[in-house]
Amino acid sequence: MTDTGNFNYHLSRLVGSFVAKTDEGYELTYAGRMVVGAILAGTYDAEATVAPIPLDWDCLQCGGAFTLGYEDGYARLQCQTCDSGAVIPIPPGALDSVPVDELPTAVMQWYRARVQRIRSGFCSVCTGRTERRLTDGVDPEADDPTPSTVRFECRRCDTVTTLSGATLVTYHPIVEGFFREHGMATDRRHPTQLWNSIESRVQTVCDEPLTVEVTFGTDSESVSARIEADGRVTNVERRH
C-alpha cells in the first residue's frame, strides 16, 4: 500500500488478536490463521451450487432413490419418493475442485470427520466443550417409531447438535472396524446406507435411567453397544 498511515492503522487494529509482532516482523496468530482459512474455504462469501445428482443409494424408509445436491453451504441428501434425508453443513472449500462423481465420497468423508469431533465432545461451531445426554429412547409400539436421540449442548455458544443413537454407535472405533471388515467403508456411505446392508436393531433396555442398546449384525457376526443416560457409549462387544 502506498498510504503507509492507512496501512499502519489497520495493522495496529489486528495486532494482538489476529497478528503478532515478532523480532522478524509480523505473523498471523492462531486466530488469524483460522480467519484466513475460513475465507479461503469460502465460509463467508462463496456461492457454490451443485444441482442434485442421482445416487445408487436406497432410502431406508421407503426404498426410493436418493439424490445429493449442494447449496448455501449445505449438502442435501434427499429421497425422491418420501423426501426423507439429511442436511450436512460443509464449507465450499471442502468441495473445491472435487469432480462430480467424487462428490458423495467427499461429503461423507467430511460428515464422518464432523461426527467424530462431536463424539469427542467438541462443538462443531465454536469448538467449545459440550455436555451430552440421551434424551429419547425407542418406543417399539409407536405407530411411527422415531430414532433414539443423543443431545450435545455447547457450554460456550449454546449450540445444540443431535445424533441418533445408531449414528453415534456406528462411528465408535470398534463398530467402524466391524463395518470395514465386512466390506462397508464408514467414510464413503451415510450411516443409513450401512444399516441398509445388514441387520440393525435399536431398543430401549431401561427407562430409568434411560438406556438404549444398538446392534448390527451379519450372518456370521454381530456388534452391539449401549448408550447410557449421560450419552456415553459403553459395553461395545463383537460376537461370532
Protein backbone atom coordinates (compact mmCIF):
# COMPACT_ATOMS: atom_id res chain seq x y z
CA MET A 1 0.00 0.00 0.00
CA THR A 2 1.27 3.47 -0.84
CA ASP A 3 -0.61 5.04 2.10
CA THR A 4 1.61 3.89 4.98
CA GLY A 5 -0.50 5.70 7.56
CA ASN A 6 -3.62 3.81 6.49
CA PHE A 7 -1.67 0.55 6.44
CA ASN A 8 -0.23 1.09 9.93
CA TYR A 9 -3.67 1.96 11.31
CA HIS A 10 -5.23 -1.30 10.09
CA LEU A 11 -2.19 -3.30 11.18
CA SER A 12 -2.42 -1.83 14.68
CA ARG A 13 -6.08 -2.92 14.85
CA LEU A 14 -5.11 -6.52 14.00
CA VAL A 15 -2.10 -6.82 16.34
CA GLY A 16 -2.99 -8.81 19.43
CA SER A 17 -5.91 -10.94 18.31
CA PHE A 18 -5.02 -11.79 14.72
CA VAL A 19 -1.43 -10.63 14.18
CA ALA A 20 1.61 -10.95 16.45
CA LYS A 21 4.73 -8.76 16.34
CA THR A 22 7.98 -10.74 16.31
CA ASP A 23 11.70 -9.92 16.05
CA GLU A 24 11.47 -10.60 12.30
CA GLY A 25 8.32 -8.55 11.72
CA TYR A 26 4.72 -9.72 11.95
CA GLU A 27 2.98 -13.07 11.67
CA LEU A 28 -0.56 -14.42 11.93
CA THR A 29 -1.69 -15.77 15.28
CA TYR A 30 -3.70 -18.99 15.51
CA ALA A 31 -6.90 -16.91 15.39
CA GLY A 32 -5.59 -15.06 12.33
CA ARG A 33 -4.85 -18.32 10.52
CA MET A 34 -8.35 -19.56 11.32
CA VAL A 35 -9.91 -16.40 9.84
CA VAL A 36 -7.79 -16.67 6.70
CA GLY A 37 -8.66 -20.36 6.46
CA ALA A 38 -12.38 -19.60 6.73
CA ILE A 39 -12.07 -17.01 3.96
CA LEU A 40 -10.23 -19.44 1.68
CA ALA A 41 -12.78 -22.15 2.49
CA GLY A 42 -15.48 -19.83 1.17
CA THR A 43 -17.30 -19.82 4.50
CA TYR A 44 -18.24 -16.15 4.23
CA ASP A 45 -18.86 -15.36 0.61
CA ALA A 46 -18.75 -18.38 -1.71
CA GLU A 47 -21.88 -19.20 -3.68
CA ALA A 48 -21.09 -22.73 -4.80
CA THR A 49 -24.08 -24.71 -6.06
CA VAL A 50 -24.35 -28.28 -7.31
CA ALA A 51 -27.64 -29.41 -8.82
CA PRO A 52 -28.98 -32.67 -7.33
CA ILE A 53 -27.26 -35.72 -8.77
CA PRO A 54 -28.63 -39.30 -8.54
CA LEU A 55 -27.00 -41.74 -6.13
CA ASP A 56 -27.00 -45.52 -6.12
CA TRP A 57 -28.48 -45.42 -2.61
CA ASP A 58 -31.85 -46.73 -1.49
CA CYS A 59 -33.93 -44.91 1.10
CA LEU A 60 -34.03 -46.75 4.42
CA GLN A 61 -37.63 -45.60 4.93
CA CYS A 62 -39.29 -46.40 1.61
CA GLY A 63 -36.66 -47.83 -0.75
CA GLY A 64 -36.80 -44.77 -3.03
CA ALA A 65 -33.85 -43.26 -4.89
CA PHE A 66 -31.58 -40.67 -3.26
CA THR A 67 -30.03 -37.53 -4.73
CA LEU A 68 -27.22 -35.32 -3.46
CA GLY A 69 -27.13 -31.56 -4.05
CA TYR A 70 -25.24 -28.60 -2.60
CA GLU A 71 -26.37 -25.03 -1.97
CA ASP A 72 -25.77 -22.23 0.57
CA GLY A 73 -23.12 -24.20 2.45
CA TYR A 74 -25.22 -27.35 2.89
CA ALA A 75 -25.09 -30.74 1.21
CA ARG A 76 -28.57 -32.22 0.96
CA LEU A 77 -29.25 -35.95 0.75
CA GLN A 78 -32.88 -36.44 -0.20
CA CYS A 79 -35.16 -39.32 -1.12
CA GLN A 80 -37.12 -38.50 -4.24
CA THR A 81 -40.10 -40.54 -3.04
CA CYS A 82 -40.67 -39.68 0.63
CA ASP A 83 -38.41 -36.59 0.98
CA SER A 84 -36.54 -38.06 3.96
CA GLY A 85 -32.82 -37.45 4.10
CA ALA A 86 -30.09 -35.42 5.77
CA VAL A 87 -28.68 -31.89 5.62
CA ILE A 88 -24.92 -31.64 6.20
CA PRO A 89 -23.15 -28.28 6.73
CA ILE A 90 -19.91 -28.19 4.75
CA PRO A 91 -17.84 -25.18 3.57
CA PRO A 92 -17.40 -24.78 -0.19
CA GLY A 93 -13.63 -25.14 0.12
CA ALA A 94 -14.02 -28.77 1.16
CA LEU A 95 -15.58 -29.50 -2.22
CA ASP A 96 -13.37 -27.24 -4.33
CA SER A 97 -12.13 -29.00 -7.48
CA VAL A 98 -13.86 -32.26 -6.49
CA PRO A 99 -15.23 -33.98 -9.64
CA VAL A 100 -18.99 -34.50 -9.55
CA ASP A 101 -18.62 -38.29 -9.47
CA GLU A 102 -16.46 -38.00 -6.34
CA LEU A 103 -18.78 -35.56 -4.57
CA PRO A 104 -20.65 -38.19 -2.50
CA THR A 105 -17.38 -39.58 -1.13
CA ALA A 106 -16.06 -36.10 -0.27
CA VAL A 107 -19.29 -35.21 1.55
CA MET A 108 -19.28 -38.45 3.52
CA GLN A 109 -15.63 -38.02 4.49
CA TRP A 110 -16.45 -34.53 5.78
CA TYR A 111 -19.53 -35.85 7.59
CA ARG A 112 -17.54 -38.58 9.34
CA ALA A 113 -14.92 -36.04 10.47
CA ARG A 114 -17.69 -33.78 11.80
CA VAL A 115 -19.36 -36.60 13.72
CA GLN A 116 -16.04 -37.68 15.20
CA ARG A 117 -15.47 -34.14 16.50
CA ILE A 118 -18.94 -34.14 18.06
CA ARG A 119 -18.37 -37.62 19.54
CA SER A 120 -15.14 -36.35 21.09
CA GLY A 121 -17.03 -33.61 22.92
CA PHE A 122 -16.21 -30.55 20.80
CA CYS A 123 -18.77 -28.13 19.39
CA SER A 124 -18.97 -28.22 15.59
CA VAL A 125 -19.47 -24.43 15.53
CA CYS A 126 -17.07 -22.87 18.06
CA THR A 127 -15.00 -25.93 19.18
CA GLY A 128 -16.10 -25.38 22.79
CA ARG A 129 -16.70 -28.34 25.06
CA THR A 130 -20.12 -29.96 25.01
CA GLU A 131 -22.33 -31.73 27.51
CA ARG A 132 -24.21 -34.77 26.25
CA ARG A 133 -27.18 -36.81 27.34
CA LEU A 134 -29.51 -39.43 25.93
CA THR A 135 -32.85 -37.66 25.58
CA ASP A 136 -35.04 -40.16 23.70
CA GLY A 137 -35.30 -43.91 23.55
CA VAL A 138 -37.23 -46.03 21.07
CA ASP A 139 -40.88 -46.97 21.51
CA PRO A 140 -41.40 -50.25 19.58
CA GLU A 141 -45.19 -49.90 19.88
CA ALA A 142 -45.37 -46.43 18.34
CA ASP A 143 -47.21 -46.15 15.02
CA ASP A 144 -44.28 -44.16 13.62
CA PRO A 145 -41.17 -45.03 15.67
CA THR A 146 -38.59 -42.27 15.94
CA PRO A 147 -34.83 -42.73 16.40
CA SER A 148 -33.19 -42.58 19.79
CA THR A 149 -31.53 -39.20 20.27
CA VAL A 150 -28.31 -38.04 21.94
CA ARG A 151 -28.16 -34.28 22.54
CA PHE A 152 -24.88 -32.35 22.59
CA GLU A 153 -25.05 -28.80 24.04
CA CYS A 154 -22.08 -26.44 23.84
CA ARG A 155 -21.10 -24.73 27.09
CA ARG A 156 -19.68 -21.74 25.22
CA CYS A 157 -22.10 -20.85 22.40
CA ASP A 158 -25.16 -22.92 23.42
CA THR A 159 -25.31 -24.62 20.02
CA VAL A 160 -27.29 -27.85 20.23
CA THR A 161 -26.43 -30.78 17.97
CA THR A 162 -28.24 -34.10 17.96
CA LEU A 163 -27.21 -37.52 16.68
CA SER A 164 -29.29 -40.65 16.56
CA GLY A 165 -28.09 -43.38 18.87
CA ALA A 166 -27.39 -45.62 15.89
CA THR A 167 -25.20 -42.93 14.27
CA LEU A 168 -23.27 -42.37 17.49
CA VAL A 169 -22.54 -46.10 17.79
CA THR A 170 -21.72 -46.50 14.07
CA TYR A 171 -18.68 -44.22 14.41
CA HIS A 172 -17.29 -45.91 17.51
CA PRO A 173 -13.84 -47.35 16.57
CA ILE A 174 -14.78 -50.96 17.30
CA VAL A 175 -18.02 -50.69 15.32
CA GLU A 176 -16.24 -48.97 12.43
CA GLY A 177 -13.83 -51.89 12.40
CA PHE A 178 -16.77 -54.29 12.20
CA PHE A 179 -18.22 -52.45 9.19
CA ARG A 180 -14.89 -52.23 7.39
CA GLU A 181 -14.08 -55.89 7.89
CA HIS A 182 -17.42 -56.69 6.27
CA GLY A 183 -16.66 -54.50 3.24
CA MET A 184 -18.53 -51.35 4.29
CA ALA A 185 -16.44 -48.15 4.49
CA THR A 186 -17.81 -45.67 7.02
CA ASP A 187 -16.17 -42.76 5.22
CA ARG A 188 -17.91 -43.43 1.89
CA ARG A 189 -21.52 -44.07 2.81
CA HIS A 190 -24.05 -42.35 5.01
CA PRO A 191 -24.84 -44.45 8.10
CA THR A 192 -28.34 -45.19 6.81
CA GLN A 193 -26.76 -46.87 3.78
CA LEU A 194 -24.57 -49.02 6.01
CA TRP A 195 -27.62 -50.08 8.01
CA ASN A 196 -29.44 -50.96 4.79
CA SER A 197 -26.84 -53.63 4.06
CA ILE A 198 -27.07 -55.53 7.37
CA GLU A 199 -29.43 -56.37 10.19
CA SER A 200 -29.82 -53.49 12.64
CA ARG A 201 -31.79 -53.08 15.85
CA VAL A 202 -32.17 -50.21 18.31
CA GLN A 203 -34.11 -50.85 21.51
CA THR A 204 -34.70 -49.19 24.85
CA VAL A 205 -33.46 -51.59 27.52
CA CYS A 206 -34.17 -49.39 30.54
CA ASP A 207 -36.40 -46.37 31.14
CA GLU A 208 -34.85 -45.20 34.43
CA PRO A 209 -32.08 -44.38 33.88
CA LEU A 210 -32.74 -44.26 30.15
CA THR A 211 -30.51 -46.78 28.34
CA VAL A 212 -30.53 -47.80 24.69
CA GLU A 213 -28.87 -50.79 23.01
CA VAL A 214 -27.79 -50.75 19.36
CA THR A 215 -26.96 -53.97 17.49
CA PHE A 216 -25.66 -54.51 13.96
CA GLY A 217 -25.22 -57.98 12.52
CA THR A 218 -24.45 -60.23 9.58
CA ASP A 219 -24.97 -63.96 9.17
CA SER A 220 -21.63 -64.65 10.84
CA GLU A 221 -21.10 -61.87 13.38
CA SER A 222 -22.73 -59.05 15.31
CA VAL A 223 -21.60 -56.00 17.24
CA SER A 224 -23.58 -54.29 19.98
CA ALA A 225 -23.21 -51.27 22.24
CA ARG A 226 -25.17 -49.48 24.92
CA ILE A 227 -25.81 -45.76 25.22
CA GLU A 228 -26.12 -44.64 28.82
CA ALA A 229 -28.30 -41.81 30.11
CA ASP A 230 -25.28 -39.48 30.05
CA GLY A 231 -24.71 -40.21 26.35
CA ARG A 232 -21.66 -42.44 26.82
CA VAL A 233 -21.24 -45.46 24.55
CA THR A 234 -20.41 -48.48 26.68
CA ASN A 235 -20.32 -52.29 26.56
CA VAL A 236 -19.17 -52.43 22.95
CA GLU A 237 -18.85 -56.09 22.05
CA ARG A 238 -18.40 -58.18 18.92
CA ARG A 239 -19.83 -61.69 18.84
CA HIS A 240 -19.26 -64.52 16.35
